[in-house]
Amino acid sequence: AKDLGLQLPALIGRGVRVVSEGRTQYFALHGKTGHLVTAERIDREKLCESVEQCMLRCELIVEGEM
């Protein structure tokens, strides 16, 4: 909410959600604070196996016009 210059109630009213690649959604927005939080346990060994640099990509989806 702070990064977009919006108050938390305005952000919640726009249907904002965080979407990760794949079926498992690792991140969510905390409903009362608007903070980005982990929604699932993240197992680095399972996700990235032997890759040295591990990244999880996600998108912030906002319904309606900004």
Protein backbone atom coordinates (compact mmCIF):
# COMPACT_ATOMS: atom_id res chain seq x y z
CA ALA A 1 0.00 0.00 0.00
CA LYS A 2 2.80 2.40 0.94
CA ASP A 3 4.76 1.77 -2.30
CA LEU A 4 1.65 2.44 -4.41
CA GLY A 5 0.74 5.57 -2.44
CA LEU A 6 -2.58 4.04 -1.33
CA GLN A 7 -4.24 3.61 2.03
CA LEU A 8 -4.75 -0.02 3.09
CA PRO A 9 -8.59 0.05 2.74
CA ALA A 10 -8.24 1.28 -0.86
CA LEU A 11 -5.80 -1.51 -1.62
CA ILE A 12 -8.04 -4.22 -0.18
CA GLY A 13 -11.04 -2.83 -2.09
CA ARG A 14 -9.18 -3.22 -5.40
CA GLY A 15 -8.90 -7.02 -5.14
CA VAL A 16 -5.12 -7.05 -4.82
CA ARG A 17 -3.43 -10.44 -4.72
CA VAL A 18 0.04 -11.91 -5.10
CA VAL A 19 0.44 -14.70 -7.67
CA SER A 20 3.46 -17.04 -7.82
CA GLU A 21 4.53 -19.23 -10.73
CA GLY A 22 3.12 -22.75 -10.54
CA ARG A 23 0.41 -24.15 -8.31
CA THR A 24 1.86 -23.30 -4.91
CA GLN A 25 1.31 -19.72 -3.82
CA TYR A 26 4.25 -18.83 -1.59
CA PHE A 27 3.33 -15.23 -0.82
CA ALA A 28 0.24 -13.34 0.33
CA LEU A 29 -0.69 -9.88 1.54
CA HIS A 30 -1.48 -9.59 5.24
CA GLY A 31 -5.07 -8.36 5.42
CA LYS A 32 -4.61 -5.93 8.33
CA THR A 33 -1.18 -4.48 7.55
CA GLY A 34 -0.76 -4.89 3.78
CA HIS A 35 2.67 -6.46 4.33
CA LEU A 36 3.98 -9.17 2.02
CA VAL A 37 4.16 -12.44 4.00
CA THR A 38 5.01 -16.05 3.22
CA ALA A 39 1.86 -18.10 2.75
CA GLU A 40 3.59 -21.48 2.45
CA ARG A 41 6.78 -23.00 3.77
CA ILE A 42 9.56 -22.43 1.24
CA ASP A 43 11.88 -25.42 0.82
CA ARG A 44 14.92 -24.16 -1.11
CA GLU A 45 16.33 -27.66 -1.73
CA LYS A 46 13.05 -28.85 -3.21
CA LEU A 47 12.55 -25.75 -5.40
CA CYS A 48 16.06 -25.13 -6.69
CA GLU A 49 17.88 -28.42 -6.07
CA SER A 50 21.52 -27.79 -7.01
CA VAL A 51 21.13 -24.27 -8.43
CA GLU A 52 23.35 -21.79 -6.58
CA GLN A 53 21.08 -18.75 -7.00
CA CYS A 54 17.44 -19.47 -6.14
CA MET A 55 14.68 -17.01 -7.08
CA LEU A 56 10.94 -17.12 -6.65
CA ARG A 57 9.03 -14.87 -9.01
CA CYS A 58 5.63 -13.46 -8.20
CA GLU A 59 3.31 -10.81 -9.57
CA LEU A 60 1.08 -8.32 -7.83
CA ILE A 61 -2.36 -8.33 -9.46
CA VAL A 62 -4.56 -5.25 -8.94
CA GLU A 63 -8.11 -5.31 -10.30
CA GLY A 64 -9.47 -2.10 -11.78
CA GLU A 65 -7.64 1.05 -12.80
CA MET A 66 -4.78 2.56 -10.81
